[in-house]
Amino acid sequence: MTPEILARITAARAARDLSDLARQAVGTTAESISATERIERARRLRQMANEYVDLIVLAEGLAGGDWAEITEALGRRDPGTVEREYADDLAEWDAPVGETEAEEAVAGIEALDAWYARHREDHDPDLEKPVADLLNRH
């Protein structure tokens, strides 16, 4: 397993968690809670969204993505600055994936694919194993 694939699996987990939290936010719309609690929940959702974006950028960087394209997609201006911001994380992730780490990542893939199947709507991509299919990439 490559570091890029591990980052994409991690991003898929983050997307699942973000989706679950967003659905919970809809479920608590009429709940009587303080403004502080409601805002803190919203801030947590925003934080998770930012973490998801960072994981996607990381995966694209590990895949050898063009920093000018990544920078533009982020709505930023200077590719050098963006690349430097992610340099430490890229260096940390760009190491051979250990056997234990790979086994843990693979162990959760079936659960992610099952989660997707349960929540998939008609307008979503019609994929049976969207995360497991990463393992077939070369």
Protein backbone atom coordinates (compact mmCIF):
# COMPACT_ATOMS: atom_id res chain seq x y z
CA MET A 1 0.00 0.00 0.00
CA THR A 2 1.33 3.42 -0.90
CA PRO A 3 1.24 6.47 1.37
CA GLU A 4 -1.16 8.09 -1.11
CA ILE A 5 -3.66 5.22 -0.81
CA LEU A 6 -3.37 5.29 2.97
CA ALA A 7 -4.09 9.04 2.90
CA ARG A 8 -7.12 8.47 0.65
CA ILE A 9 -8.47 5.78 3.01
CA THR A 10 -7.95 8.15 5.93
CA ALA A 11 -9.77 10.88 3.98
CA ALA A 12 -12.67 8.48 3.33
CA ARG A 13 -12.94 7.85 7.08
CA ALA A 14 -12.90 11.60 7.70
CA ALA A 15 -15.64 12.12 5.10
CA ARG A 16 -17.77 9.44 6.76
CA ASP A 17 -17.32 11.01 10.20
CA LEU A 18 -18.08 14.47 8.80
CA SER A 19 -21.23 13.19 7.15
CA ASP A 20 -22.38 11.48 10.34
CA LEU A 21 -21.81 14.66 12.35
CA ALA A 22 -23.64 16.78 9.76
CA ARG A 23 -26.61 14.40 9.84
CA GLN A 24 -26.65 14.65 13.64
CA ALA A 25 -26.70 18.45 13.33
CA VAL A 26 -29.85 18.22 11.21
CA GLY A 27 -31.38 15.91 13.81
CA THR A 28 -30.77 18.42 16.59
CA THR A 29 -32.20 21.43 14.76
CA ALA A 30 -35.20 21.74 17.09
CA GLU A 31 -33.28 20.68 20.19
CA SER A 32 -33.35 23.13 23.09
CA ILE A 33 -29.68 23.82 23.73
CA SER A 34 -27.66 26.92 24.46
CA ALA A 35 -26.26 29.13 21.72
CA THR A 36 -22.80 28.21 22.97
CA GLU A 37 -23.39 24.50 22.53
CA ARG A 38 -24.97 24.94 19.08
CA ILE A 39 -22.05 27.12 17.92
CA GLU A 40 -19.47 24.73 19.39
CA ARG A 41 -21.07 21.86 17.47
CA ALA A 42 -20.98 23.91 14.27
CA ARG A 43 -17.34 24.81 14.87
CA ARG A 44 -16.51 21.11 15.32
CA LEU A 45 -18.16 20.41 11.98
CA ARG A 46 -16.09 23.16 10.34
CA GLN A 47 -12.92 21.80 11.96
CA MET A 48 -13.64 18.33 10.61
CA ALA A 49 -14.29 19.78 7.14
CA ASN A 50 -10.93 21.56 7.26
CA GLU A 51 -9.21 18.34 8.32
CA TYR A 52 -10.86 16.54 5.40
CA VAL A 53 -9.59 19.19 2.96
CA ASP A 54 -6.09 18.82 4.42
CA LEU A 55 -6.21 15.03 3.93
CA ILE A 56 -7.30 15.45 0.32
CA VAL A 57 -4.48 17.95 -0.31
CA LEU A 58 -2.07 15.54 1.36
CA ALA A 59 -3.22 12.66 -0.85
CA GLU A 60 -2.88 14.81 -3.97
CA GLY A 61 0.59 15.91 -2.89
CA LEU A 62 1.62 12.31 -2.23
CA ALA A 63 0.30 11.40 -5.68
CA GLY A 64 2.65 13.96 -7.19
CA GLY A 65 -0.07 16.51 -7.85
CA ASP A 66 0.81 19.88 -9.34
CA TRP A 67 1.05 22.46 -6.56
CA ALA A 68 -0.20 25.22 -8.86
CA GLU A 69 -3.38 23.21 -9.47
CA ILE A 70 -3.74 22.33 -5.78
CA THR A 71 -3.24 25.98 -4.84
CA GLU A 72 -5.86 27.14 -7.32
CA ALA A 73 -8.34 24.53 -6.06
CA LEU A 74 -7.79 25.84 -2.53
CA GLY A 75 -8.54 29.39 -3.69
CA ARG A 76 -5.03 30.43 -2.79
CA ARG A 77 -2.42 32.35 -4.79
CA ASP A 78 1.12 31.14 -4.10
CA PRO A 79 1.93 27.46 -4.82
CA GLY A 80 5.25 27.73 -3.00
CA THR A 81 3.57 28.88 0.18
CA VAL A 82 0.95 26.12 0.01
CA GLU A 83 3.57 23.45 -0.69
CA ARG A 84 5.66 24.66 2.27
CA GLU A 85 2.57 24.59 4.53
CA TYR A 86 2.09 20.90 3.75
CA ALA A 87 5.79 19.95 3.56
CA ASP A 88 6.09 18.54 7.10
CA ASP A 89 2.92 16.46 6.77
CA LEU A 90 4.01 15.20 3.35
CA ALA A 91 7.40 14.19 4.73
CA GLU A 92 5.73 12.41 7.64
CA TRP A 93 3.30 10.51 5.40
CA ASP A 94 5.77 9.84 2.57
CA ALA A 95 7.43 6.91 4.26
CA PRO A 96 6.89 3.25 3.55
CA VAL A 97 3.62 2.08 5.05
CA GLY A 98 4.31 -0.41 7.81
CA GLU A 99 2.67 -3.81 7.81
CA THR A 100 0.61 -3.08 10.94
CA GLU A 101 -0.55 0.28 9.56
CA ALA A 102 -1.53 -1.32 6.25
CA GLU A 103 -3.43 -4.12 8.01
CA GLU A 104 -5.34 -1.59 10.14
CA ALA A 105 -6.25 0.46 7.06
CA VAL A 106 -7.42 -2.59 5.13
CA ALA A 107 -9.41 -3.86 8.11
CA GLY A 108 -11.62 -0.79 8.03
CA ILE A 109 -12.25 -0.74 4.29
CA GLU A 110 -15.18 -3.15 4.34
CA ALA A 111 -16.89 -1.04 7.01
CA LEU A 112 -16.39 2.13 4.94
CA ASP A 113 -17.82 0.47 1.83
CA ALA A 114 -20.77 -0.87 3.85
CA TRP A 115 -21.37 2.61 5.30
CA TYR A 116 -21.39 4.06 1.77
CA ALA A 117 -23.83 1.39 0.56
CA ARG A 118 -26.22 2.16 3.45
CA HIS A 119 -26.16 5.91 2.84
CA ARG A 120 -25.83 6.04 -0.96
CA GLU A 121 -28.51 8.03 -2.76
CA ASP A 122 -29.55 7.67 -6.40
CA HIS A 123 -27.46 10.68 -7.48
CA ASP A 124 -24.27 9.35 -5.80
CA PRO A 125 -21.68 7.37 -7.78
CA ASP A 126 -22.93 3.84 -8.32
CA LEU A 127 -19.94 2.00 -6.92
CA GLU A 128 -20.08 -1.18 -4.92
CA LYS A 129 -16.70 -0.81 -3.22
CA PRO A 130 -15.48 2.78 -3.60
CA VAL A 131 -12.80 2.51 -0.91
CA ALA A 132 -11.69 -1.09 -1.49
CA ASP A 133 -11.19 -0.23 -5.16
CA LEU A 134 -8.21 1.89 -4.05
CA LEU A 135 -6.31 -1.33 -3.40
CA ASN A 136 -6.58 -2.23 -7.08
CA ARG A 137 -4.80 0.96 -8.16
CA HIS A 138 -1.19 0.82 -9.21
